Amino acid sequence: MPPFRWCCELEKYLEIGEIINTHGVKGELKVMPLTDNQMRYKELNWVYVDINGFLEKYDIESVKFFKQLVILKLKEINDMDNAGKLKGHYLKIDRENAIKLPQDSYFICDLIDCEVFEENGNKLGVLKDVLKTGSNDVYVIEAKNREDILIPALKKVIKDISIESKRITVAIPEGLIDNEI
């Protein structure tokens, strides 16, 4: 299958890992998983590799786990030199092959660039990152004329998320934001 350009259809594909190095001489790849469940790789038959904005489809031959990494063998890559050419590139899947999320759970890529508003309609800024912590995620809101705002992703704080309209409504706890600019 020839590579295809994905830039206009970014929302259709999810990054699931970054190829960080080769493993051995037979073309295996060390992958830093970008998913909460590494075992997810065992369920995949193929992945796309994003090479400078073009997606190339590769069949998965085998999956192993080593510490926090996934060791992936792609059928089309059989030596260390060709495996090395993929270093630094990302693995993607289409949404049809993505895991089904529980209700009120979202893919981080869908949250990025959502506008964030308080319940009174005051715009706080735009969600630029999600920090993974031990107990709960933290949303990083880029605000105009002030430092980034860190908001805990808790049900009592996050009141509504609309992926379709790219809008998040929050109830800011007292003292979370310093009102001085």
N, C-alpha and C. Protein backbone atom coordinates (compact mmCIF):
# COMPACT_ATOMS: atom_id res chain seq x y z
N MET A 1 0.85 -1.18 0.00
CA MET A 1 0.00 0.00 0.00
C MET A 1 0.89 1.24 0.00
N PRO A 2 0.71 2.17 -0.95
CA PRO A 2 1.55 3.37 -0.99
C PRO A 2 1.21 4.29 0.18
N PRO A 3 2.20 5.11 0.61
CA PRO A 3 1.93 6.05 1.70
C PRO A 3 0.90 7.08 1.26
N PHE A 4 0.19 7.64 2.23
CA PHE A 4 -0.78 8.68 1.91
C PHE A 4 -0.64 9.83 2.87
N ARG A 5 -1.03 11.00 2.43
CA ARG A 5 -0.92 12.22 3.24
C ARG A 5 -2.09 12.28 4.21
N TRP A 6 -1.82 12.64 5.47
CA TRP A 6 -2.88 12.65 6.47
C TRP A 6 -3.20 14.03 6.99
N CYS A 7 -2.50 15.07 6.55
CA CYS A 7 -2.57 16.37 7.22
C CYS A 7 -3.98 16.93 7.33
N CYS A 8 -4.85 16.74 6.39
CA CYS A 8 -6.20 17.28 6.47
C CYS A 8 -7.12 16.38 7.28
N GLU A 9 -6.67 15.19 7.61
CA GLU A 9 -7.52 14.25 8.32
C GLU A 9 -6.87 13.82 9.62
N LEU A 10 -6.18 14.74 10.28
CA LEU A 10 -5.44 14.43 11.49
C LEU A 10 -6.31 13.77 12.54
N GLU A 11 -7.56 14.19 12.66
CA GLU A 11 -8.42 13.66 13.70
C GLU A 11 -8.74 12.18 13.51
N LYS A 12 -8.54 11.66 12.33
CA LYS A 12 -8.86 10.26 12.05
C LYS A 12 -7.85 9.29 12.64
N TYR A 13 -6.66 9.78 13.01
CA TYR A 13 -5.58 8.91 13.44
C TYR A 13 -5.10 9.29 14.84
N LEU A 14 -4.74 8.28 15.60
CA LEU A 14 -4.27 8.47 16.97
C LEU A 14 -2.85 7.96 17.10
N GLU A 15 -1.99 8.75 17.73
CA GLU A 15 -0.63 8.30 17.99
C GLU A 15 -0.66 7.32 19.14
N ILE A 16 -0.01 6.18 18.94
CA ILE A 16 0.02 5.17 20.00
C ILE A 16 1.43 4.86 20.47
N GLY A 17 2.43 5.41 19.80
CA GLY A 17 3.80 5.16 20.23
C GLY A 17 4.81 5.93 19.42
N GLU A 18 5.99 6.08 20.01
CA GLU A 18 7.11 6.70 19.30
C GLU A 18 8.23 5.68 19.20
N ILE A 19 8.78 5.51 18.00
CA ILE A 19 9.90 4.59 17.79
C ILE A 19 11.14 5.30 18.30
N ILE A 20 11.75 4.76 19.36
CA ILE A 20 12.89 5.46 19.96
C ILE A 20 14.23 4.84 19.62
N ASN A 21 14.22 3.58 19.14
CA ASN A 21 15.49 2.96 18.78
C ASN A 21 15.23 1.61 18.14
N THR A 22 16.32 0.98 17.70
CA THR A 22 16.23 -0.39 17.20
C THR A 22 16.48 -1.34 18.37
N HIS A 23 16.17 -2.61 18.14
CA HIS A 23 16.41 -3.64 19.16
C HIS A 23 16.94 -4.88 18.43
N GLY A 24 18.19 -5.21 18.64
CA GLY A 24 18.78 -6.37 17.98
C GLY A 24 19.09 -6.10 16.52
N VAL A 25 19.41 -7.15 15.78
CA VAL A 25 19.85 -7.01 14.39
C VAL A 25 18.82 -7.47 13.38
N LYS A 26 17.66 -7.96 13.84
CA LYS A 26 16.66 -8.50 12.93
C LYS A 26 15.53 -7.52 12.61
N GLY A 27 15.73 -6.24 12.95
CA GLY A 27 14.75 -5.24 12.56
C GLY A 27 13.69 -4.92 13.60
N GLU A 28 13.87 -5.38 14.83
CA GLU A 28 12.90 -5.04 15.86
C GLU A 28 13.06 -3.58 16.27
N LEU A 29 11.97 -3.02 16.78
CA LEU A 29 11.93 -1.61 17.15
C LEU A 29 11.59 -1.46 18.63
N LYS A 30 12.27 -0.52 19.29
CA LYS A 30 11.90 -0.14 20.64
C LYS A 30 10.89 1.01 20.53
N VAL A 31 9.74 0.81 21.14
CA VAL A 31 8.66 1.79 21.04
C VAL A 31 8.29 2.29 22.43
N MET A 32 8.26 3.62 22.58
CA MET A 32 7.75 4.22 23.80
C MET A 32 6.24 4.33 23.61
N PRO A 33 5.45 3.56 24.37
CA PRO A 33 3.99 3.58 24.16
C PRO A 33 3.38 4.92 24.60
N LEU A 34 2.42 5.38 23.84
CA LEU A 34 1.68 6.60 24.16
C LEU A 34 0.23 6.24 24.43
N THR A 35 0.05 5.15 25.11
CA THR A 35 -1.26 4.64 25.46
C THR A 35 -1.22 4.17 26.91
N ASP A 36 -2.32 4.22 27.58
CA ASP A 36 -2.37 3.80 28.98
C ASP A 36 -2.24 2.28 29.13
N ASN A 37 -2.52 1.53 28.07
CA ASN A 37 -2.52 0.08 28.15
C ASN A 37 -1.58 -0.50 27.10
N GLN A 38 -0.37 -0.88 27.54
CA GLN A 38 0.60 -1.45 26.61
C GLN A 38 0.11 -2.74 25.96
N MET A 39 -0.70 -3.50 26.68
CA MET A 39 -1.19 -4.77 26.14
C MET A 39 -2.02 -4.55 24.88
N ARG A 40 -2.43 -3.32 24.66
CA ARG A 40 -3.20 -2.95 23.47
C ARG A 40 -2.46 -3.35 22.19
N TYR A 41 -1.14 -3.31 22.22
CA TYR A 41 -0.34 -3.64 21.04
C TYR A 41 -0.56 -5.09 20.59
N LYS A 42 -0.84 -5.98 21.54
CA LYS A 42 -1.06 -7.40 21.21
C LYS A 42 -2.31 -7.59 20.34
N GLU A 43 -3.25 -6.65 20.41
CA GLU A 43 -4.50 -6.75 19.67
C GLU A 43 -4.41 -6.21 18.25
N LEU A 44 -3.30 -5.55 17.92
CA LEU A 44 -3.17 -4.92 16.61
C LEU A 44 -2.57 -5.87 15.58
N ASN A 45 -3.07 -5.80 14.37
CA ASN A 45 -2.50 -6.57 13.26
C ASN A 45 -1.55 -5.72 12.41
N TRP A 46 -1.74 -4.41 12.46
CA TRP A 46 -0.93 -3.49 11.66
C TRP A 46 -0.95 -2.11 12.30
N VAL A 47 0.00 -1.28 11.89
CA VAL A 47 0.08 0.12 12.33
C VAL A 47 0.53 0.96 11.15
N TYR A 48 0.28 2.25 11.27
CA TYR A 48 0.86 3.21 10.34
C TYR A 48 2.09 3.81 11.00
N VAL A 49 3.12 4.08 10.20
CA VAL A 49 4.26 4.85 10.66
C VAL A 49 4.17 6.19 9.95
N ASP A 50 4.18 7.25 10.76
CA ASP A 50 4.11 8.61 10.22
C ASP A 50 5.51 9.05 9.84
N ILE A 51 5.74 9.15 8.53
CA ILE A 51 7.05 9.55 8.03
C ILE A 51 6.88 10.88 7.32
N ASN A 52 7.21 11.95 8.05
CA ASN A 52 7.14 13.31 7.52
C ASN A 52 5.77 13.64 6.94
N GLY A 53 4.72 13.27 7.63
CA GLY A 53 3.37 13.61 7.20
C GLY A 53 2.72 12.58 6.29
N PHE A 54 3.45 11.53 5.95
CA PHE A 54 2.89 10.45 5.15
C PHE A 54 2.76 9.21 6.02
N LEU A 55 1.65 8.53 5.91
CA LEU A 55 1.45 7.32 6.70
C LEU A 55 1.74 6.09 5.84
N GLU A 56 2.65 5.25 6.35
CA GLU A 56 2.96 4.00 5.68
C GLU A 56 2.47 2.86 6.56
N LYS A 57 1.74 1.93 5.96
CA LYS A 57 1.16 0.81 6.70
C LYS A 57 2.15 -0.34 6.79
N TYR A 58 2.30 -0.88 8.02
CA TYR A 58 3.17 -2.01 8.28
C TYR A 58 2.39 -3.07 9.04
N ASP A 59 2.61 -4.34 8.67
CA ASP A 59 2.00 -5.45 9.38
C ASP A 59 2.85 -5.81 10.60
N ILE A 60 2.19 -6.11 11.70
CA ILE A 60 2.90 -6.48 12.92
C ILE A 60 3.16 -7.98 12.92
N GLU A 61 4.42 -8.34 13.10
CA GLU A 61 4.82 -9.75 13.16
C GLU A 61 4.82 -10.25 14.60
N SER A 62 5.36 -9.43 15.52
CA SER A 62 5.39 -9.85 16.92
C SER A 62 5.46 -8.64 17.84
N VAL A 63 5.06 -8.88 19.09
CA VAL A 63 5.06 -7.84 20.12
C VAL A 63 5.63 -8.46 21.39
N LYS A 64 6.60 -7.77 21.99
CA LYS A 64 7.16 -8.18 23.29
C LYS A 64 7.19 -6.93 24.17
N PHE A 65 7.38 -7.15 25.45
CA PHE A 65 7.44 -6.04 26.38
C PHE A 65 8.74 -6.11 27.17
N PHE A 66 9.37 -4.95 27.33
CA PHE A 66 10.63 -4.86 28.07
C PHE A 66 10.60 -3.58 28.88
N LYS A 67 10.53 -3.71 30.20
CA LYS A 67 10.40 -2.58 31.12
C LYS A 67 9.20 -1.75 30.71
N GLN A 68 9.40 -0.47 30.42
CA GLN A 68 8.29 0.40 30.03
C GLN A 68 8.11 0.47 28.51
N LEU A 69 8.84 -0.32 27.77
CA LEU A 69 8.85 -0.25 26.31
C LEU A 69 8.13 -1.43 25.67
N VAL A 70 7.74 -1.22 24.43
CA VAL A 70 7.18 -2.28 23.59
C VAL A 70 8.25 -2.60 22.54
N ILE A 71 8.55 -3.87 22.37
CA ILE A 71 9.47 -4.30 21.31
C ILE A 71 8.60 -4.82 20.18
N LEU A 72 8.64 -4.14 19.06
CA LEU A 72 7.75 -4.41 17.95
C LEU A 72 8.55 -4.91 16.75
N LYS A 73 8.09 -5.99 16.15
CA LYS A 73 8.69 -6.50 14.91
C LYS A 73 7.66 -6.33 13.81
N LEU A 74 8.03 -5.56 12.79
CA LEU A 74 7.16 -5.34 11.62
C LEU A 74 7.61 -6.29 10.51
N LYS A 75 6.66 -6.93 9.85
CA LYS A 75 6.98 -7.92 8.81
C LYS A 75 7.86 -7.35 7.71
N GLU A 76 7.65 -6.09 7.38
CA GLU A 76 8.35 -5.47 6.25
C GLU A 76 9.76 -5.01 6.59
N ILE A 77 10.14 -5.03 7.85
CA ILE A 77 11.46 -4.57 8.29
C ILE A 77 12.23 -5.76 8.83
N ASN A 78 13.36 -6.11 8.16
CA ASN A 78 14.08 -7.33 8.53
C ASN A 78 15.54 -7.12 8.91
N ASP A 79 15.98 -5.88 9.04
CA ASP A 79 17.35 -5.65 9.45
C ASP A 79 17.46 -4.34 10.23
N MET A 80 18.56 -4.20 10.92
CA MET A 80 18.77 -3.06 11.80
C MET A 80 18.85 -1.75 11.01
N ASP A 81 19.40 -1.77 9.81
CA ASP A 81 19.52 -0.54 9.02
C ASP A 81 18.14 0.02 8.66
N ASN A 82 17.26 -0.81 8.16
CA ASN A 82 15.91 -0.34 7.81
C ASN A 82 15.11 0.05 9.06
N ALA A 83 15.33 -0.69 10.14
CA ALA A 83 14.66 -0.34 11.40
C ALA A 83 15.14 1.03 11.88
N GLY A 84 16.42 1.29 11.74
CA GLY A 84 17.00 2.56 12.16
C GLY A 84 16.41 3.76 11.44
N LYS A 85 15.95 3.57 10.22
CA LYS A 85 15.34 4.66 9.44
C LYS A 85 14.00 5.11 10.04
N LEU A 86 13.40 4.27 10.87
CA LEU A 86 12.11 4.60 11.47
C LEU A 86 12.26 5.28 12.84
N LYS A 87 13.48 5.34 13.35
CA LYS A 87 13.72 5.95 14.66
C LYS A 87 13.24 7.41 14.65
N GLY A 88 12.52 7.77 15.71
CA GLY A 88 12.02 9.14 15.84
C GLY A 88 10.66 9.36 15.21
N HIS A 89 10.13 8.34 14.56
CA HIS A 89 8.81 8.47 13.93
C HIS A 89 7.73 7.90 14.86
N TYR A 90 6.49 8.28 14.59
CA TYR A 90 5.38 7.88 15.45
C TYR A 90 4.54 6.78 14.80
N LEU A 91 4.01 5.90 15.66
CA LEU A 91 3.06 4.88 15.23
C LEU A 91 1.66 5.43 15.40
N LYS A 92 0.81 5.17 14.43
CA LYS A 92 -0.57 5.65 14.49
C LYS A 92 -1.52 4.53 14.09
N ILE A 93 -2.74 4.68 14.57
CA ILE A 93 -3.82 3.80 14.14
C ILE A 93 -5.00 4.68 13.76
N ASP A 94 -5.90 4.13 12.97
CA ASP A 94 -7.11 4.89 12.67
C ASP A 94 -8.10 4.70 13.81
N ARG A 95 -9.06 5.58 13.90
CA ARG A 95 -10.01 5.55 15.01
C ARG A 95 -10.83 4.26 15.05
N GLU A 96 -11.05 3.65 13.90
CA GLU A 96 -11.80 2.40 13.88
C GLU A 96 -11.12 1.31 14.69
N ASN A 97 -9.78 1.37 14.79
CA ASN A 97 -9.02 0.36 15.53
C ASN A 97 -8.62 0.84 16.93
N ALA A 98 -9.10 1.99 17.31
CA ALA A 98 -8.80 2.52 18.64
C ALA A 98 -9.62 1.77 19.69
N ILE A 99 -9.12 1.78 20.92
CA ILE A 99 -9.89 1.16 21.99
C ILE A 99 -11.14 2.00 22.24
N LYS A 100 -12.17 1.34 22.69
CA LYS A 100 -13.41 2.04 23.02
C LYS A 100 -13.26 2.62 24.42
N LEU A 101 -13.46 3.92 24.53
CA LEU A 101 -13.30 4.58 25.81
C LEU A 101 -14.58 4.50 26.64
N PRO A 102 -14.42 4.46 27.96
CA PRO A 102 -15.61 4.53 28.82
C PRO A 102 -16.28 5.90 28.68
N GLN A 103 -17.52 5.97 29.09
CA GLN A 103 -18.24 7.24 29.04
C GLN A 103 -17.48 8.29 29.84
N ASP A 104 -17.51 9.52 29.36
CA ASP A 104 -16.83 10.66 29.98
C ASP A 104 -15.31 10.50 30.00
N SER A 105 -14.76 9.72 29.08
CA SER A 105 -13.31 9.63 28.88
C SER A 105 -13.02 10.09 27.46
N TYR A 106 -11.84 10.68 27.27
CA TYR A 106 -11.51 11.28 25.98
C TYR A 106 -10.06 10.99 25.62
N PHE A 107 -9.79 10.95 24.34
CA PHE A 107 -8.42 10.88 23.88
C PHE A 107 -7.81 12.26 24.08
N ILE A 108 -6.58 12.31 24.56
CA ILE A 108 -5.92 13.59 24.83
C ILE A 108 -5.87 14.44 23.57
N CYS A 109 -5.62 13.83 22.42
CA CYS A 109 -5.53 14.61 21.18
C CYS A 109 -6.84 15.32 20.86
N ASP A 110 -7.96 14.80 21.34
CA ASP A 110 -9.25 15.46 21.11
C ASP A 110 -9.44 16.65 22.04
N LEU A 111 -8.79 16.63 23.19
CA LEU A 111 -8.92 17.72 24.15
C LEU A 111 -8.01 18.91 23.81
N ILE A 112 -6.87 18.60 23.22
CA ILE A 112 -5.91 19.66 22.87
C ILE A 112 -6.58 20.67 21.93
N ASP A 113 -6.36 21.93 22.21
CA ASP A 113 -6.88 23.07 21.45
C ASP A 113 -8.35 23.37 21.72
N CYS A 114 -8.96 22.70 22.70
CA CYS A 114 -10.32 23.08 23.11
C CYS A 114 -10.23 24.41 23.86
N GLU A 115 -11.22 25.27 23.63
CA GLU A 115 -11.31 26.50 24.40
C GLU A 115 -11.90 26.16 25.77
N VAL A 116 -11.37 26.81 26.81
CA VAL A 116 -11.80 26.52 28.18
C VAL A 116 -12.49 27.75 28.76
N PHE A 117 -13.71 27.54 29.26
CA PHE A 117 -14.52 28.62 29.80
C PHE A 117 -14.95 28.29 31.23
N GLU A 118 -15.09 29.35 32.04
CA GLU A 118 -15.71 29.18 33.35
C GLU A 118 -17.21 29.06 33.14
N GLU A 119 -17.92 28.61 34.15
CA GLU A 119 -19.37 28.46 34.06
C GLU A 119 -20.08 29.77 33.75
N ASN A 120 -19.50 30.90 34.16
CA ASN A 120 -20.11 32.21 33.89
C ASN A 120 -19.83 32.72 32.47
N GLY A 121 -19.12 31.92 31.67
CA GLY A 121 -18.84 32.30 30.28
C GLY A 121 -17.50 32.96 30.07
N ASN A 122 -16.78 33.26 31.14
CA ASN A 122 -15.47 33.89 31.04
C ASN A 122 -14.47 32.90 30.42
N LYS A 123 -13.84 33.31 29.32
CA LYS A 123 -12.86 32.44 28.66
C LYS A 123 -11.54 32.47 29.41
N LEU A 124 -11.07 31.27 29.80
CA LEU A 124 -9.79 31.16 30.49
C LEU A 124 -8.62 31.04 29.52
N GLY A 125 -8.84 30.35 28.41
CA GLY A 125 -7.76 30.12 27.46
C GLY A 125 -8.01 28.87 26.65
N VAL A 126 -6.93 28.26 26.21
CA VAL A 126 -6.99 27.09 25.34
C VAL A 126 -6.18 25.96 25.97
N LEU A 127 -6.73 24.76 25.99
CA LEU A 127 -6.04 23.61 26.55
C LEU A 127 -4.88 23.24 25.63
N LYS A 128 -3.66 23.27 26.18
CA LYS A 128 -2.47 23.01 25.38
C LYS A 128 -1.78 21.70 25.72
N ASP A 129 -2.07 21.14 26.91
CA ASP A 129 -1.39 19.90 27.29
C ASP A 129 -2.19 19.24 28.41
N VAL A 130 -1.97 17.95 28.57
CA VAL A 130 -2.56 17.20 29.68
C VAL A 130 -1.41 16.49 30.38
N LEU A 131 -1.25 16.81 31.66
CA LEU A 131 -0.20 16.18 32.46
C LEU A 131 -0.77 14.95 33.15
N LYS A 132 -0.08 13.84 33.04
CA LYS A 132 -0.50 12.61 33.70
C LYS A 132 0.16 12.57 35.07
N THR A 133 -0.66 12.54 36.11
CA THR A 133 -0.14 12.43 37.47
C THR A 133 -0.63 11.12 38.05
N GLY A 134 -0.22 10.83 39.25
CA GLY A 134 -0.62 9.56 39.86
C GLY A 134 -2.11 9.47 40.14
N SER A 135 -2.71 10.56 40.60
CA SER A 135 -4.10 10.47 41.03
C SER A 135 -5.09 10.94 39.96
N ASN A 136 -4.80 12.03 39.29
CA ASN A 136 -5.69 12.53 38.25
C ASN A 136 -4.89 13.33 37.23
N ASP A 137 -5.44 13.48 36.04
CA ASP A 137 -4.79 14.30 35.03
C ASP A 137 -4.91 15.76 35.42
N VAL A 138 -4.03 16.58 34.85
CA VAL A 138 -4.07 18.02 35.06
C VAL A 138 -4.07 18.68 33.68
N TYR A 139 -5.05 19.54 33.44
CA TYR A 139 -5.15 20.25 32.17
C TYR A 139 -4.31 21.52 32.24
N VAL A 140 -3.48 21.74 31.23
CA VAL A 140 -2.66 22.94 31.13
C VAL A 140 -3.36 23.90 30.17
N ILE A 141 -3.82 25.03 30.72
CA ILE A 141 -4.56 26.01 29.93
C ILE A 141 -3.64 27.19 29.63
N GLU A 142 -3.45 27.45 28.35
CA GLU A 142 -2.67 28.62 27.93
C GLU A 142 -3.60 29.82 27.95
N ALA A 143 -3.28 30.78 28.82
CA ALA A 143 -4.13 31.95 28.99
C ALA A 143 -3.41 33.19 28.47
N LYS A 144 -4.18 34.14 27.96
CA LYS A 144 -3.60 35.41 27.51
C LYS A 144 -3.26 36.25 28.72
N ASN A 145 -2.16 36.95 28.67
CA ASN A 145 -1.75 37.93 29.68
C ASN A 145 -1.49 37.33 31.06
N ARG A 146 -1.24 36.05 31.15
CA ARG A 146 -0.89 35.43 32.44
C ARG A 146 -0.21 34.10 32.18
N GLU A 147 0.33 33.55 33.25
CA GLU A 147 0.98 32.24 33.14
C GLU A 147 -0.08 31.17 32.86
N ASP A 148 0.40 30.02 32.43
CA ASP A 148 -0.51 28.90 32.21
C ASP A 148 -1.29 28.59 33.48
N ILE A 149 -2.52 28.14 33.29
CA ILE A 149 -3.38 27.74 34.40
C ILE A 149 -3.42 26.23 34.44
N LEU A 150 -3.20 25.66 35.62
CA LEU A 150 -3.25 24.21 35.79
C LEU A 150 -4.56 23.86 36.49
N ILE A 151 -5.37 23.03 35.81
CA ILE A 151 -6.69 22.67 36.33
C ILE A 151 -6.76 21.16 36.52
N PRO A 152 -7.10 20.70 37.72
CA PRO A 152 -7.23 19.25 37.92
C PRO A 152 -8.43 18.71 37.15
N ALA A 153 -8.25 17.59 36.50
CA ALA A 153 -9.32 16.96 35.72
C ALA A 153 -10.18 16.10 36.65
N LEU A 154 -10.97 16.78 37.47
CA LEU A 154 -11.87 16.13 38.41
C LEU A 154 -13.30 16.46 38.04
N LYS A 155 -14.23 15.55 38.33
CA LYS A 155 -15.63 15.78 37.98
C LYS A 155 -16.20 17.05 38.62
N LYS A 156 -15.73 17.40 39.82
CA LYS A 156 -16.25 18.61 40.46
C LYS A 156 -15.69 19.88 39.82
N VAL A 157 -14.65 19.76 39.00
CA VAL A 157 -14.04 20.92 38.32
C VAL A 157 -14.45 20.97 36.85
N ILE A 158 -14.34 19.85 36.17
CA ILE A 158 -14.67 19.78 34.74
C ILE A 158 -16.17 19.52 34.63
N LYS A 159 -16.93 20.53 34.24
CA LYS A 159 -18.38 20.42 34.22
C LYS A 159 -18.92 19.90 32.90
N ASP A 160 -18.27 20.25 31.79
CA ASP A 160 -18.77 19.79 30.48
C ASP A 160 -17.63 19.80 29.48
N ILE A 161 -17.61 18.77 28.64
CA ILE A 161 -16.65 18.70 27.53
C ILE A 161 -17.44 18.41 26.28
N SER A 162 -17.27 19.27 25.28
CA SER A 162 -17.87 19.04 23.97
C SER A 162 -16.75 18.98 22.94
N ILE A 163 -16.41 17.77 22.55
CA ILE A 163 -15.36 17.58 21.54
C ILE A 163 -15.80 18.19 20.21
N GLU A 164 -17.09 18.05 19.89
CA GLU A 164 -17.61 18.57 18.62
C GLU A 164 -17.42 20.08 18.50
N SER A 165 -17.67 20.82 19.57
CA SER A 165 -17.53 22.27 19.52
C SER A 165 -16.19 22.74 20.09
N LYS A 166 -15.31 21.77 20.47
CA LYS A 166 -13.98 22.09 21.01
C LYS A 166 -14.09 23.05 22.19
N ARG A 167 -14.98 22.72 23.14
CA ARG A 167 -15.24 23.59 24.29
C ARG A 167 -15.29 22.78 25.58
N ILE A 168 -14.63 23.32 26.61
CA ILE A 168 -14.64 22.72 27.94
C ILE A 168 -15.13 23.79 28.91
N THR A 169 -16.08 23.40 29.77
CA THR A 169 -16.59 24.31 30.79
C THR A 169 -16.12 23.79 32.15
N VAL A 170 -15.59 24.72 32.97
CA VAL A 170 -15.01 24.34 34.26
C VAL A 170 -15.57 25.19 35.39
N ALA A 171 -15.53 24.65 36.59
CA ALA A 171 -15.85 25.38 37.82
C ALA A 171 -14.53 25.49 38.58
N ILE A 172 -13.96 26.67 38.60
CA ILE A 172 -12.65 26.87 39.22
C ILE A 172 -12.78 26.90 40.74
N PRO A 173 -12.06 26.03 41.43
CA PRO A 173 -12.09 26.08 42.90
C PRO A 173 -11.51 27.40 43.42
N GLU A 174 -12.02 27.85 44.53
CA GLU A 174 -11.58 29.10 45.16
C GLU A 174 -10.07 29.06 45.36
N GLY A 175 -9.40 30.12 44.94
CA GLY A 175 -7.96 30.26 45.13
C GLY A 175 -7.09 29.57 44.10
N LEU A 176 -7.69 28.88 43.15
CA LEU A 176 -6.87 28.18 42.15
C LEU A 176 -6.19 29.15 41.19
N ILE A 177 -6.87 30.25 40.87
CA ILE A 177 -6.32 31.23 39.94
C ILE A 177 -6.08 32.54 40.69
N ASP A 178 -4.89 33.06 40.55
CA ASP A 178 -4.58 34.37 41.11
C ASP A 178 -5.13 35.41 40.16
N ASN A 179 -6.04 36.23 40.60
CA ASN A 179 -6.71 37.20 39.73
C ASN A 179 -5.86 38.38 39.35
N GLU A 180 -4.67 38.51 39.92
CA GLU A 180 -3.78 39.61 39.54
C GLU A 180 -3.14 39.26 38.22
N ILE A 181 -3.08 40.26 37.34
CA ILE A 181 -2.46 40.04 36.03
C ILE A 181 -1.21 40.88 35.92
